[in-house]
N, C-alpha and C. Protein backbone atom coordinates (compact mmCIF):
# COMPACT_ATOMS: atom_id res chain seq x y z
N MET A 1 125.25 117.24 87.67
CA MET A 1 125.08 115.94 87.05
C MET A 1 125.05 114.84 88.10
N ARG A 2 126.00 114.90 89.02
CA ARG A 2 126.09 113.87 90.05
C ARG A 2 124.86 113.93 90.97
N ARG A 3 124.41 115.14 91.25
CA ARG A 3 123.23 115.31 92.11
C ARG A 3 122.00 114.68 91.47
N ASN A 4 121.86 114.86 90.16
CA ASN A 4 120.73 114.26 89.44
C ASN A 4 120.78 112.74 89.49
N LEU A 5 121.97 112.19 89.42
CA LEU A 5 122.12 110.74 89.48
C LEU A 5 121.68 110.21 90.84
N PHE A 6 122.11 110.87 91.92
CA PHE A 6 121.69 110.46 93.26
C PHE A 6 120.19 110.61 93.44
N LEU A 7 119.63 111.68 92.91
CA LEU A 7 118.19 111.91 93.01
C LEU A 7 117.42 110.82 92.26
N ALA A 8 117.89 110.47 91.07
CA ALA A 8 117.23 109.43 90.28
C ALA A 8 117.30 108.08 90.98
N CYS A 9 118.46 107.77 91.55
CA CYS A 9 118.60 106.49 92.27
C CYS A 9 117.71 106.46 93.51
N GLY A 10 117.65 107.56 94.22
CA GLY A 10 116.78 107.63 95.40
C GLY A 10 115.32 107.48 95.04
N LEU A 11 114.90 108.11 93.96
CA LEU A 11 113.52 108.01 93.51
C LEU A 11 113.19 106.59 93.07
N ALA A 12 114.12 105.97 92.33
CA ALA A 12 113.90 104.59 91.88
C ALA A 12 113.79 103.64 93.07
N GLY A 13 114.65 103.83 94.07
CA GLY A 13 114.58 102.99 95.27
C GLY A 13 113.28 103.16 96.03
N THR A 14 112.82 104.40 96.14
CA THR A 14 111.56 104.67 96.83
C THR A 14 110.39 104.02 96.10
N LEU A 15 110.36 104.15 94.80
CA LEU A 15 109.28 103.54 94.02
C LEU A 15 109.31 102.02 94.10
N ALA A 16 110.52 101.45 94.11
CA ALA A 16 110.64 100.00 94.20
C ALA A 16 110.12 99.49 95.54
N LEU A 17 110.45 100.18 96.61
CA LEU A 17 109.98 99.76 97.94
C LEU A 17 108.48 99.96 98.08
N ALA A 18 107.95 101.03 97.53
CA ALA A 18 106.51 101.29 97.61
C ALA A 18 105.73 100.24 96.83
N GLY A 19 106.31 99.74 95.76
CA GLY A 19 105.63 98.73 94.94
C GLY A 19 105.55 97.37 95.62
N CYS A 20 106.34 97.13 96.64
CA CYS A 20 106.36 95.84 97.33
C CYS A 20 105.35 95.77 98.47
N ALA A 21 104.68 96.87 98.77
CA ALA A 21 103.82 96.93 99.95
C ALA A 21 102.66 95.95 99.90
N GLY A 22 102.06 95.74 98.76
CA GLY A 22 100.88 94.90 98.68
C GLY A 22 101.14 93.47 98.25
N MET A 23 102.38 93.03 98.30
CA MET A 23 102.72 91.69 97.83
C MET A 23 102.45 90.63 98.90
N SER A 24 102.15 89.44 98.43
CA SER A 24 102.01 88.31 99.35
C SER A 24 103.40 87.87 99.80
N GLU A 25 103.45 87.01 100.80
CA GLU A 25 104.75 86.50 101.27
C GLU A 25 105.47 85.74 100.16
N THR A 26 104.73 84.99 99.37
CA THR A 26 105.34 84.23 98.27
C THR A 26 105.98 85.18 97.27
N GLU A 27 105.25 86.23 96.90
CA GLU A 27 105.79 87.19 95.94
C GLU A 27 107.01 87.91 96.50
N GLN A 28 106.96 88.27 97.78
CA GLN A 28 108.10 88.96 98.39
C GLN A 28 109.33 88.08 98.43
N ARG A 29 109.16 86.82 98.81
CA ARG A 29 110.31 85.91 98.91
C ARG A 29 110.87 85.59 97.53
N THR A 30 109.99 85.43 96.54
CA THR A 30 110.46 85.16 95.18
C THR A 30 111.22 86.35 94.63
N LEU A 31 110.69 87.56 94.85
CA LEU A 31 111.36 88.76 94.37
C LEU A 31 112.68 88.98 95.10
N SER A 32 112.69 88.73 96.40
CA SER A 32 113.94 88.87 97.16
C SER A 32 115.00 87.90 96.65
N GLY A 33 114.60 86.68 96.39
CA GLY A 33 115.53 85.69 95.84
C GLY A 33 116.07 86.12 94.49
N ALA A 34 115.19 86.66 93.65
CA ALA A 34 115.62 87.13 92.33
C ALA A 34 116.60 88.29 92.46
N ALA A 35 116.33 89.20 93.39
CA ALA A 35 117.22 90.35 93.59
C ALA A 35 118.59 89.90 94.09
N ILE A 36 118.60 88.99 95.04
CA ILE A 36 119.88 88.49 95.57
C ILE A 36 120.63 87.72 94.48
N GLY A 37 119.91 86.90 93.73
CA GLY A 37 120.54 86.15 92.63
C GLY A 37 121.08 87.07 91.56
N THR A 38 120.35 88.14 91.25
CA THR A 38 120.82 89.10 90.26
C THR A 38 122.09 89.78 90.74
N ALA A 39 122.10 90.18 92.01
CA ALA A 39 123.29 90.83 92.56
C ALA A 39 124.49 89.90 92.49
N ALA A 40 124.29 88.65 92.83
CA ALA A 40 125.39 87.69 92.76
C ALA A 40 125.83 87.48 91.31
N GLY A 41 124.85 87.40 90.40
CA GLY A 41 125.17 87.23 88.99
C GLY A 41 125.92 88.43 88.42
N VAL A 42 125.53 89.62 88.83
CA VAL A 42 126.24 90.82 88.38
C VAL A 42 127.67 90.83 88.89
N ALA A 43 127.84 90.40 90.13
CA ALA A 43 129.20 90.35 90.70
C ALA A 43 130.08 89.38 89.91
N VAL A 44 129.54 88.21 89.61
CA VAL A 44 130.30 87.23 88.83
C VAL A 44 130.52 87.76 87.41
N GLY A 45 129.49 88.41 86.85
CA GLY A 45 129.61 88.97 85.51
C GLY A 45 130.66 90.06 85.43
N ALA A 46 130.77 90.85 86.48
CA ALA A 46 131.79 91.90 86.50
C ALA A 46 133.19 91.30 86.52
N ILE A 47 133.33 90.17 87.19
CA ILE A 47 134.64 89.51 87.26
C ILE A 47 134.98 88.83 85.94
N THR A 48 134.01 88.12 85.38
CA THR A 48 134.28 87.34 84.18
C THR A 48 134.07 88.12 82.88
N GLY A 49 133.29 89.19 82.95
CA GLY A 49 133.00 89.97 81.74
C GLY A 49 131.82 89.43 80.95
N GLU A 50 131.16 88.43 81.45
CA GLU A 50 129.99 87.85 80.79
C GLU A 50 128.75 88.19 81.61
N TRP A 51 127.90 89.03 81.06
CA TRP A 51 126.77 89.55 81.82
C TRP A 51 125.57 88.60 81.82
N ALA A 52 125.66 87.49 81.14
CA ALA A 52 124.58 86.50 81.18
C ALA A 52 124.44 85.90 82.58
N TRP A 53 125.49 86.04 83.39
CA TRP A 53 125.43 85.54 84.76
C TRP A 53 124.32 86.24 85.54
N ALA A 54 124.05 87.49 85.23
CA ALA A 54 123.00 88.24 85.95
C ALA A 54 121.64 87.60 85.70
N ALA A 55 121.35 87.24 84.46
CA ALA A 55 120.07 86.61 84.14
C ALA A 55 119.97 85.23 84.79
N GLY A 56 121.06 84.48 84.72
CA GLY A 56 121.07 83.16 85.36
C GLY A 56 120.90 83.27 86.86
N GLY A 57 121.57 84.24 87.46
CA GLY A 57 121.44 84.46 88.90
C GLY A 57 120.03 84.84 89.30
N ALA A 58 119.39 85.67 88.47
CA ALA A 58 118.02 86.07 88.75
C ALA A 58 117.07 84.87 88.70
N ALA A 59 117.24 84.04 87.70
CA ALA A 59 116.38 82.86 87.56
C ALA A 59 116.58 81.89 88.72
N ILE A 60 117.83 81.62 89.03
CA ILE A 60 118.11 80.70 90.14
C ILE A 60 117.65 81.28 91.46
N GLY A 61 117.86 82.58 91.65
CA GLY A 61 117.42 83.24 92.89
C GLY A 61 115.91 83.23 93.04
N ALA A 62 115.19 83.50 91.95
CA ALA A 62 113.73 83.49 92.02
C ALA A 62 113.22 82.08 92.35
N ALA A 63 113.79 81.08 91.71
CA ALA A 63 113.38 79.70 91.99
C ALA A 63 113.69 79.34 93.44
N SER A 64 114.85 79.74 93.91
CA SER A 64 115.22 79.44 95.30
C SER A 64 114.30 80.15 96.28
N GLY A 65 113.96 81.40 96.00
CA GLY A 65 113.05 82.14 96.87
C GLY A 65 111.68 81.49 96.91
N TYR A 66 111.20 81.01 95.77
CA TYR A 66 109.90 80.34 95.72
C TYR A 66 109.93 79.03 96.49
N ILE A 67 110.97 78.24 96.30
CA ILE A 67 111.08 76.97 97.02
C ILE A 67 111.18 77.20 98.52
N TYR A 68 111.95 78.22 98.93
CA TYR A 68 112.06 78.57 100.35
C TYR A 68 110.69 78.95 100.91
N ASP A 69 109.92 79.72 100.14
CA ASP A 69 108.59 80.11 100.60
C ASP A 69 107.68 78.90 100.77
N GLN A 70 107.73 77.98 99.82
CA GLN A 70 106.88 76.80 99.92
C GLN A 70 107.23 75.98 101.16
N GLN A 71 108.51 75.87 101.48
CA GLN A 71 108.93 75.14 102.67
C GLN A 71 108.42 75.84 103.93
N LYS A 72 108.53 77.17 103.98
CA LYS A 72 108.05 77.93 105.14
C LYS A 72 106.55 77.78 105.31
N GLN A 73 105.81 77.79 104.20
CA GLN A 73 104.36 77.61 104.30
C GLN A 73 104.01 76.21 104.80
N LYS A 74 104.77 75.22 104.37
CA LYS A 74 104.55 73.86 104.83
C LYS A 74 104.79 73.76 106.34
N GLU A 75 105.88 74.38 106.82
CA GLU A 75 106.17 74.39 108.25
C GLU A 75 105.07 75.10 109.04
N LYS A 76 104.57 76.20 108.49
CA LYS A 76 103.51 76.96 109.16
C LYS A 76 102.23 76.13 109.27
N ARG A 77 101.88 75.44 108.18
CA ARG A 77 100.68 74.60 108.21
C ARG A 77 100.83 73.47 109.22
N ALA A 78 102.02 72.85 109.29
CA ALA A 78 102.25 71.77 110.25
C ALA A 78 102.15 72.29 111.68
N TYR A 79 102.69 73.47 111.93
CA TYR A 79 102.62 74.08 113.26
C TYR A 79 101.16 74.35 113.64
N GLU A 80 100.42 74.95 112.72
CA GLU A 80 99.01 75.26 113.00
C GLU A 80 98.19 74.00 113.22
N GLN A 81 98.49 72.95 112.47
CA GLN A 81 97.80 71.68 112.65
C GLN A 81 98.11 71.10 114.03
N GLY A 82 99.36 71.21 114.46
CA GLY A 82 99.74 70.73 115.78
C GLY A 82 99.06 71.51 116.88
N VAL A 83 98.91 72.82 116.70
CA VAL A 83 98.22 73.64 117.69
C VAL A 83 96.76 73.23 117.79
N GLN A 84 96.13 73.00 116.65
CA GLN A 84 94.72 72.59 116.66
C GLN A 84 94.54 71.23 117.33
N GLN A 85 95.45 70.30 117.07
CA GLN A 85 95.37 68.99 117.71
C GLN A 85 95.57 69.11 119.21
N GLY A 86 96.47 69.99 119.62
CA GLY A 86 96.70 70.21 121.05
C GLY A 86 95.47 70.79 121.72
N LYS A 87 94.79 71.71 121.04
CA LYS A 87 93.57 72.30 121.60
C LYS A 87 92.47 71.25 121.73
N GLN A 88 92.37 70.39 120.73
CA GLN A 88 91.34 69.34 120.77
C GLN A 88 91.62 68.37 121.90
N GLN A 89 92.85 68.00 122.09
CA GLN A 89 93.20 67.08 123.17
C GLN A 89 92.96 67.73 124.53
N ALA A 90 93.20 69.00 124.65
CA ALA A 90 93.01 69.70 125.92
C ALA A 90 91.52 69.78 126.27
N THR A 91 90.66 69.95 125.26
CA THR A 91 89.23 70.04 125.55
C THR A 91 88.60 68.68 125.81
N GLN A 92 89.23 67.60 125.36
CA GLN A 92 88.69 66.26 125.58
C GLN A 92 88.95 65.77 126.99
N LYS A 93 89.90 66.34 127.68
CA LYS A 93 90.23 65.88 129.04
C LYS A 93 89.33 66.44 130.06
């Protein structure tokens, strides 16, 4: 029985990781945020006995992951714009 449980968990983990291979950075960061938020919500739910914390944690985590991704994309665009401006200035001299 215990062996089957470990096998099922291992298979589920493998399938979950394989499903993330084709995701964009936004999707990966949003999903990671949701997973971390769910884990935190489950921990709080285990302490308090109210499992609604898991759903709340997932929602907050997903939103946080998305906002973090948008900030990173903004920083990346600003960096790339600065590189292009530097190249233009270098060719004008």
